[in-house]
């Protein structure tokens, strides 16, 4: 289904063979996934999903190895279904993959998608792509990602600031990922003026999915984020000390395209007194909407964000709300854009509204220039 492992294709001969609706199995029952695979897929993709040689299938497009668990699991079931139902072009893939909507019933398509995922022998260990919920601006996802994300934030009040961060994320096996973040920006940390441009504190993180269930629609992960100082706090770009951030992240699919994500942890400076020690908690509620059945997806979300100093007696919890919306830009859904605002709900005398946005590229799905 993706450019990374090769495009999912089926020979044009199969498209002709299934140009008319096929009969149901005996007794009027839909055929099993194994039966559909043998009749419609194995001629090109092989009995074991490894893909037939180009000389045998008769076209010069590399077939993917469906035994690759990263390939078989990272896409939502709905996207696999869309490609089989509508053909490869519906997700910006090769046109050699024909549409089977007139040849296979919806239950048969669902059955064969489940069957082909079984070529991943370690399937139970891998979280399925439906648990890869839309990324919020501030709430960490529980799903392990292969993504590059550029985020930017601008303050609409107080000392001026325009800060950004370039984040690289890569999976390590079925449940684990690591992340490297390079923040940079232009800030005016003092009312008297004096803009400063430079790097912020470099971030390194690891995240591991503890439990996951596509059936229940839930995933829980544990992670550790470490920020290494590159500038002093007087610049407005850094904390001046290493900050360790252990956290938990949770995701839950809700009915009718809804979802909720939660993220909580601690910001713990290595050198006390250099910056705040905080407890933080965040939650995002959203819905994924497609105006057309197989069209691009829009995900409006609202986040509730809280933080409280843990080394100050009587410290007041700070509350923010962040309305936002994410939209998939490419047909492959691997390039996405999110824009929103972080609005303080209390202690607003010295806290101001911030506009925020990100551009996301899921590099596991192929080049950002493909799939449009």
Protein backbone atom coordinates (compact mmCIF):
# COMPACT_ATOMS: atom_id res chain seq x y z
CA UNK A 1 0.00 0.00 0.00
CA UNK A 2 2.95 2.36 0.35
CA UNK A 3 5.86 3.71 -1.59
CA UNK A 4 8.29 2.67 1.17
CA UNK A 5 8.01 -1.06 0.65
CA UNK A 6 6.85 -0.95 -2.96
CA UNK A 7 3.38 -0.24 -4.30
CA UNK A 8 0.62 -2.77 -3.80
CA UNK A 9 -0.39 -3.91 -7.26
CA UNK A 10 -2.46 -6.57 -8.93
CA UNK A 11 -2.02 -7.61 -12.55
CA UNK A 12 -4.32 -6.10 -15.14
CA UNK A 13 -5.41 -9.62 -15.99
CA UNK A 14 -6.95 -9.94 -12.56
CA UNK A 15 -8.85 -6.70 -13.09
CA UNK A 16 -10.40 -8.24 -16.21
CA UNK A 17 -11.08 -11.51 -14.45
CA UNK A 18 -13.06 -9.68 -11.79
CA UNK A 19 -14.74 -7.11 -14.01
CA UNK A 20 -18.12 -8.63 -13.13
CA UNK A 21 -19.32 -9.40 -9.61
CA UNK A 22 -18.20 -12.83 -8.47
CA UNK A 23 -20.65 -15.32 -6.97
CA UNK A 24 -20.80 -15.87 -3.26
CA UNK A 25 -19.63 -19.11 -1.76
CA UNK A 26 -22.03 -22.03 -1.41
CA UNK A 27 -25.01 -21.20 0.77
CA UNK A 28 -24.84 -17.49 -0.11
CA UNK A 29 -21.99 -16.85 2.32
CA UNK A 30 -19.11 -14.49 1.58
CA UNK A 31 -15.85 -16.26 0.83
CA UNK A 32 -13.19 -16.44 3.51
CA UNK A 33 -10.07 -14.31 3.42
CA UNK A 34 -8.00 -17.33 2.37
CA UNK A 35 -10.39 -18.11 -0.49
CA UNK A 36 -10.38 -14.52 -1.75
CA UNK A 37 -6.59 -14.38 -1.48
CA UNK A 38 -6.18 -17.56 -3.52
CA UNK A 39 -8.60 -16.39 -6.20
CA UNK A 40 -7.73 -12.70 -6.51
CA UNK A 41 -4.35 -11.96 -4.95
CA UNK A 42 -1.94 -14.90 -4.89
CA UNK A 43 -1.20 -14.78 -8.63
CA UNK A 44 0.71 -11.53 -8.07
CA UNK A 45 1.42 -11.38 -4.34
CA UNK A 46 2.24 -15.08 -3.91
CA UNK A 47 0.64 -17.67 -1.68
CA UNK A 48 2.73 -16.42 1.26
CA UNK A 49 2.52 -12.68 0.50
CA UNK A 50 6.16 -12.41 -0.53
CA UNK A 51 5.31 -11.16 -4.04
CA UNK A 52 5.85 -12.93 -7.32
CA UNK A 53 8.90 -12.16 -9.52
CA UNK A 54 8.47 -9.45 -12.14
CA UNK A 55 9.12 -11.93 -14.93
CA UNK A 56 6.17 -14.01 -13.74
CA UNK A 57 3.60 -11.24 -13.20
CA UNK A 58 4.49 -9.49 -16.47
CA UNK A 59 4.88 -5.88 -15.29
CA UNK A 60 7.81 -3.85 -14.06
CA UNK A 61 6.49 -2.73 -10.67
CA UNK A 62 8.10 -4.11 -7.53
CA UNK A 63 5.65 -5.98 -5.34
CA UNK A 64 5.88 -5.54 -1.57
CA UNK A 65 6.73 -8.28 0.90
CA UNK A 66 3.56 -8.51 2.99
CA UNK A 67 5.46 -10.57 5.54
CA UNK A 68 7.14 -7.32 6.61
CA UNK A 69 5.28 -6.50 9.82
CA UNK A 70 6.02 -2.77 9.59
CA UNK A 71 4.34 -2.73 6.18
CA UNK A 72 1.39 -4.92 7.14
CA UNK A 73 0.41 -3.21 10.39
CA UNK A 74 1.12 0.52 10.28
CA UNK A 75 -1.84 1.47 8.03
CA UNK A 76 -5.41 1.66 9.36
CA UNK A 77 -7.70 -1.11 8.20
CA UNK A 78 -9.89 1.51 6.51
CA UNK A 79 -7.03 2.49 4.17
CA UNK A 80 -6.31 -1.13 3.20
CA UNK A 81 -10.02 -1.53 2.52
CA UNK A 82 -10.09 1.65 0.41
CA UNK A 83 -7.23 0.49 -1.84
CA UNK A 84 -8.82 -2.92 -2.48
CA UNK A 85 -12.26 -1.39 -3.00
CA UNK A 86 -11.31 1.62 -5.15
CA UNK A 87 -7.88 0.72 -6.56
CA UNK A 88 -4.42 2.11 -5.89
CA UNK A 89 -5.04 5.64 -7.11
CA UNK A 90 -7.47 6.35 -4.26
CA UNK A 91 -4.43 6.58 -1.97
CA UNK A 92 -1.98 7.94 -4.53
CA UNK A 93 -0.56 4.50 -5.34
CA UNK A 94 0.17 2.77 -8.63
CA UNK A 95 -2.76 2.45 -11.05
CA UNK A 96 -1.87 -1.21 -11.65
CA UNK A 97 -3.82 -1.96 -8.49
CA UNK A 98 -7.40 -2.27 -9.81
CA UNK A 99 -10.67 -1.60 -7.98
CA UNK A 100 -12.49 -4.72 -6.72
CA UNK A 101 -15.70 -2.99 -5.66
CA UNK A 102 -17.69 -4.82 -8.34
CA UNK A 103 -15.97 -8.14 -7.87
CA UNK A 104 -15.76 -8.60 -4.10
CA UNK A 105 -18.35 -7.85 -1.48
CA UNK A 106 -17.47 -5.56 1.43
CA UNK A 107 -17.30 -8.56 3.85
CA UNK A 108 -14.93 -10.34 1.44
CA UNK A 109 -12.66 -7.29 1.22
CA UNK A 110 -12.62 -7.02 5.01
CA UNK A 111 -11.81 -10.73 5.28
CA UNK A 112 -8.92 -10.60 2.83
CA UNK A 113 -7.41 -7.56 4.59
CA UNK A 114 -7.46 -9.49 7.87
CA UNK A 115 -5.94 -12.48 6.08
CA UNK A 116 -3.07 -10.62 4.46
CA UNK A 117 -2.10 -9.07 7.78
CA UNK A 118 -1.61 -12.61 9.06
CA UNK A 119 1.49 -12.91 6.85
CA UNK A 120 3.18 -10.91 9.64
CA UNK A 121 4.09 -13.80 11.91
CA UNK A 122 4.52 -11.58 14.97
CA UNK A 123 1.24 -9.76 14.36
CA UNK A 124 0.02 -9.70 18.01
CA UNK A 125 3.13 -7.73 19.03
CA UNK A 126 2.51 -4.90 16.55
CA UNK A 127 -0.03 -2.13 17.25
CA UNK A 128 -2.30 -1.74 14.22
CA UNK A 129 -2.53 1.51 12.30
CA UNK A 130 -6.02 2.38 13.56
CA UNK A 131 -4.38 3.12 16.92
CA UNK A 132 -2.19 5.76 15.23
CA UNK A 133 -4.60 8.57 16.11
CA UNK A 134 -4.28 12.11 14.71
CA UNK A 135 -1.43 13.99 16.32
CA UNK A 136 -2.44 16.88 18.57
CA UNK A 137 -0.35 20.05 18.96
CA UNK A 138 0.68 19.46 22.58
CA UNK A 139 -0.58 16.02 23.69
CA UNK A 140 1.84 13.16 23.01
CA UNK A 141 0.59 10.18 20.99
CA UNK A 142 0.90 6.67 22.42
CA UNK A 143 1.54 5.04 19.02
CA UNK A 144 5.19 4.60 17.90
CA UNK A 145 5.74 6.74 14.80
CA UNK A 146 7.94 7.13 11.72
CA UNK A 147 7.48 10.86 11.24
CA UNK A 148 9.16 14.18 10.63
CA UNK A 149 7.29 17.11 12.17
CA UNK A 150 7.97 20.84 11.97
CA UNK A 151 6.08 22.79 14.64
CA UNK A 152 5.92 26.55 15.09
CA UNK A 153 4.46 28.77 17.82
CA UNK A 154 4.04 32.54 17.93
CA UNK A 155 3.00 34.55 20.99
CA UNK A 156 0.30 37.19 20.51
CA UNK A 157 1.23 39.15 23.62
CA UNK A 158 4.04 39.94 26.04
CA UNK A 159 7.67 39.62 24.97
CA UNK A 160 7.84 38.60 21.33
CA UNK A 161 8.62 35.04 20.35
CA UNK A 162 8.55 32.86 17.27
CA UNK A 163 9.78 29.38 18.12
CA UNK A 164 9.93 26.20 16.08
CA UNK A 165 11.09 22.61 16.48
CA UNK A 166 12.08 20.01 13.91
CA UNK A 167 11.35 16.51 15.22
CA UNK A 168 12.52 13.22 13.75
CA UNK A 169 10.84 9.99 14.96
CA UNK A 170 11.69 6.38 14.08
CA UNK A 171 10.27 3.05 15.18
CA UNK A 172 12.48 0.36 16.66
CA UNK A 173 10.68 -2.95 16.31
CA UNK A 174 6.99 -3.43 17.01
CA UNK A 175 6.46 -1.21 20.07
CA UNK A 176 9.38 1.16 20.56
CA UNK A 177 10.52 4.41 18.95
CA UNK A 178 13.13 7.10 19.48
CA UNK A 179 12.89 10.81 18.79
CA UNK A 180 15.31 13.68 18.24
CA UNK A 181 14.09 17.27 18.48
CA UNK A 182 15.97 20.39 17.37
CA UNK A 183 14.23 23.58 18.59
CA UNK A 184 15.12 27.03 17.28
CA UNK A 185 13.58 30.46 17.30
CA UNK A 186 13.66 34.21 17.63
CA UNK A 187 12.68 35.66 21.02
CA UNK A 188 12.64 38.97 22.86
CA UNK A 189 13.01 37.85 26.48
CA UNK A 190 12.98 41.36 27.99
CA UNK A 191 10.46 44.22 27.76
CA UNK A 192 13.28 46.61 26.84
CA UNK A 193 13.91 44.78 23.58
CA UNK A 194 16.86 42.84 22.27
CA UNK A 195 15.88 39.98 19.98
CA UNK A 196 17.83 36.72 20.23
CA UNK A 197 17.97 34.02 17.58
CA UNK A 198 19.44 30.57 18.07
CA UNK A 199 18.93 26.95 19.05
CA UNK A 200 16.89 25.82 22.01
CA UNK A 201 17.55 22.81 24.21
CA UNK A 202 18.06 19.64 22.15
CA UNK A 203 15.55 16.90 22.89
CA UNK A 204 16.01 13.13 22.90
CA UNK A 205 13.17 10.74 23.70
CA UNK A 206 12.23 7.08 23.70
CA UNK A 207 8.71 5.66 23.89
CA UNK A 208 7.44 2.08 24.31
CA UNK A 209 3.89 0.76 23.94
CA UNK A 210 3.13 -1.26 27.08
CA UNK A 211 -0.26 -2.63 25.99
CA UNK A 212 -2.43 -2.24 22.91
CA UNK A 213 -5.63 -3.72 21.54
CA UNK A 214 -7.21 -2.94 18.18
CA UNK A 215 -10.34 -4.75 19.36
CA UNK A 216 -10.77 -2.43 22.34
CA UNK A 217 -9.32 0.50 20.41
CA UNK A 218 -6.82 1.41 23.11
CA UNK A 219 -3.05 1.82 23.54
CA UNK A 220 -0.91 2.79 26.54
CA UNK A 221 2.76 3.80 26.32
CA UNK A 222 5.54 4.89 28.65
CA UNK A 223 8.28 7.29 27.63
CA UNK A 224 11.25 9.37 28.69
CA UNK A 225 12.19 12.73 27.19
CA UNK A 226 15.52 14.41 27.98
CA UNK A 227 16.33 18.03 27.04
CA UNK A 228 20.01 18.96 26.89
CA UNK A 229 20.82 22.68 27.33
CA UNK A 230 22.37 24.66 24.52
CA UNK A 231 21.65 28.16 25.86
CA UNK A 232 21.01 29.84 29.20
CA UNK A 233 17.52 30.81 30.41
CA UNK A 234 18.37 34.50 29.99
CA UNK A 235 18.14 34.02 26.21
CA UNK A 236 14.57 32.78 26.41
CA UNK A 237 15.55 29.74 24.32
CA UNK A 238 16.64 27.26 26.96
CA UNK A 239 16.28 26.09 30.54
CA UNK A 240 19.98 26.27 31.39
CA UNK A 241 20.05 22.70 32.68
CA UNK A 242 19.19 19.17 31.60
CA UNK A 243 15.49 18.42 32.10
CA UNK A 244 14.22 14.84 32.43
CA UNK A 245 10.59 14.19 31.49
CA UNK A 246 9.12 10.73 32.28
CA UNK A 247 5.57 10.36 30.95
CA UNK A 248 2.63 8.12 30.14
CA UNK A 249 0.56 8.41 26.97
CA UNK A 250 -2.82 6.84 26.26
CA UNK A 251 -5.11 6.66 23.23
CA UNK A 252 -8.69 5.42 22.91
CA UNK A 253 -10.87 5.12 19.81
CA UNK A 254 -14.47 6.26 20.35
CA UNK A 255 -17.58 5.54 18.27
CA UNK A 256 -18.44 7.54 15.14
CA UNK A 257 -14.85 8.51 14.35
CA UNK A 258 -14.14 9.98 17.77
CA UNK A 259 -10.99 9.55 19.82
CA UNK A 260 -9.43 10.71 23.07
CA UNK A 261 -5.75 10.95 23.95
CA UNK A 262 -4.14 11.64 27.33
CA UNK A 263 -0.56 12.50 28.28
CA UNK A 264 0.85 13.10 31.77
CA UNK A 265 4.29 13.30 33.36
CA UNK A 266 6.91 15.39 35.13
CA UNK A 267 9.44 18.02 34.04
CA UNK A 268 12.38 17.46 36.40
CA UNK A 269 15.49 19.66 36.09
CA UNK A 270 18.78 17.99 36.99
CA UNK A 271 19.97 21.18 38.71
CA UNK A 272 17.35 22.40 41.16
CA UNK A 273 16.58 26.10 40.96
CA UNK A 274 17.60 26.52 37.31
CA UNK A 275 14.04 26.02 36.06
CA UNK A 276 10.68 24.84 37.35
CA UNK A 277 9.87 21.29 38.42
CA UNK A 278 6.39 20.61 37.07
CA UNK A 279 3.66 18.02 37.01
CA UNK A 280 1.74 18.25 33.74
CA UNK A 281 -1.37 16.64 32.33
CA UNK A 282 -2.94 16.96 28.89
CA UNK A 283 -5.92 15.50 27.08
CA UNK A 284 -7.21 15.80 23.52
CA UNK A 285 -10.72 15.00 22.29
CA UNK A 286 -11.34 14.84 18.56
CA UNK A 287 -13.22 13.41 15.61
CA UNK A 288 -12.01 12.29 12.20
CA UNK A 289 -14.34 13.30 9.38
CA UNK A 290 -14.14 12.53 5.66
CA UNK A 291 -16.55 14.54 3.47
CA UNK A 292 -16.32 11.69 0.95
CA UNK A 293 -16.03 8.01 1.86
CA UNK A 294 -12.45 7.69 0.65
CA UNK A 295 -11.49 11.35 0.60
CA UNK A 296 -9.08 13.40 2.67
CA UNK A 297 -9.63 13.50 6.42
CA UNK A 298 -10.29 16.46 8.72
CA UNK A 299 -9.80 16.03 12.47
CA UNK A 300 -11.06 18.88 14.67
CA UNK A 301 -9.71 18.59 18.21
CA UNK A 302 -9.73 20.41 21.50
CA UNK A 303 -6.99 19.96 24.08
CA UNK A 304 -7.14 20.73 27.80
CA UNK A 305 -3.69 21.40 29.26
CA UNK A 306 -2.68 21.66 32.90
CA UNK A 307 0.58 22.17 34.77
CA UNK A 308 1.56 22.77 38.39
CA UNK A 309 4.88 23.41 40.09
CA UNK A 310 5.71 20.55 42.47
CA UNK A 311 8.48 22.22 44.49
CA UNK A 312 6.48 25.30 45.54
CA UNK A 313 3.98 25.15 48.42
CA UNK A 314 0.57 26.46 47.44
CA UNK A 315 1.41 26.64 43.75
CA UNK A 316 -1.58 27.27 41.51
CA UNK A 317 -2.35 24.91 38.65
CA UNK A 318 -2.24 26.66 35.27
CA UNK A 319 -4.96 25.71 32.79
CA UNK A 320 -5.05 26.22 29.03
CA UNK A 321 -7.37 25.14 26.24
CA UNK A 322 -6.23 24.53 22.66
CA UNK A 323 -8.82 24.27 19.85
CA UNK A 324 -7.31 23.05 16.58
CA UNK A 325 -7.89 21.07 13.39
CA UNK A 326 -5.71 18.64 11.46
CA UNK A 327 -6.20 17.95 7.75
CA UNK A 328 -4.58 15.33 5.52
CA UNK A 329 -3.04 17.13 2.56
CA UNK A 330 -2.06 14.14 0.40
CA UNK A 331 -4.32 11.34 -0.81
CA UNK A 332 -1.93 8.92 0.89
CA UNK A 333 -2.56 10.77 4.18
CA UNK A 334 1.16 10.87 4.88
CA UNK A 335 1.43 14.68 4.73
CA UNK A 336 -0.74 16.52 7.26
CA UNK A 337 -1.18 20.02 8.59
CA UNK A 338 -2.54 21.17 11.95
CA UNK A 339 -3.29 24.69 13.14
CA UNK A 340 -4.72 25.96 16.43
CA UNK A 341 -4.31 28.28 19.38
CA UNK A 342 -3.29 27.80 23.01
CA UNK A 343 -5.51 30.02 25.19
CA UNK A 344 -4.76 30.55 28.92
CA UNK A 345 -7.77 30.06 31.20
CA UNK A 346 -6.29 31.50 34.41
CA UNK A 347 -3.31 33.62 35.54
CA UNK A 348 -3.71 35.59 32.32
CA UNK A 349 -1.87 38.72 33.44
CA UNK A 350 1.48 37.30 32.29
CA UNK A 351 0.31 34.44 30.04
CA UNK A 352 -0.82 35.14 26.50
CA UNK A 353 -2.54 33.43 23.60
CA UNK A 354 -0.21 31.50 21.31
CA UNK A 355 -0.89 30.46 17.73
CA UNK A 356 0.59 27.07 16.83
CA UNK A 357 0.84 24.88 13.75
CA UNK A 358 2.72 21.87 12.45
CA UNK A 359 3.49 20.21 9.13
CA UNK A 360 3.85 16.43 9.42
CA UNK A 361 5.39 13.93 7.02
CA UNK A 362 4.97 10.22 7.76
CA UNK A 363 8.19 9.18 6.02
CA UNK A 364 7.36 5.48 6.33
CA UNK A 365 4.71 6.03 3.66
CA UNK A 366 7.14 7.19 1.00
CA UNK A 367 8.47 10.47 -0.35
CA UNK A 368 6.56 13.65 0.60
CA UNK A 369 6.27 14.32 -3.16
CA UNK A 370 4.39 11.08 -3.81
CA UNK A 371 0.79 10.19 -3.15
CA UNK A 372 -0.90 13.44 -4.18
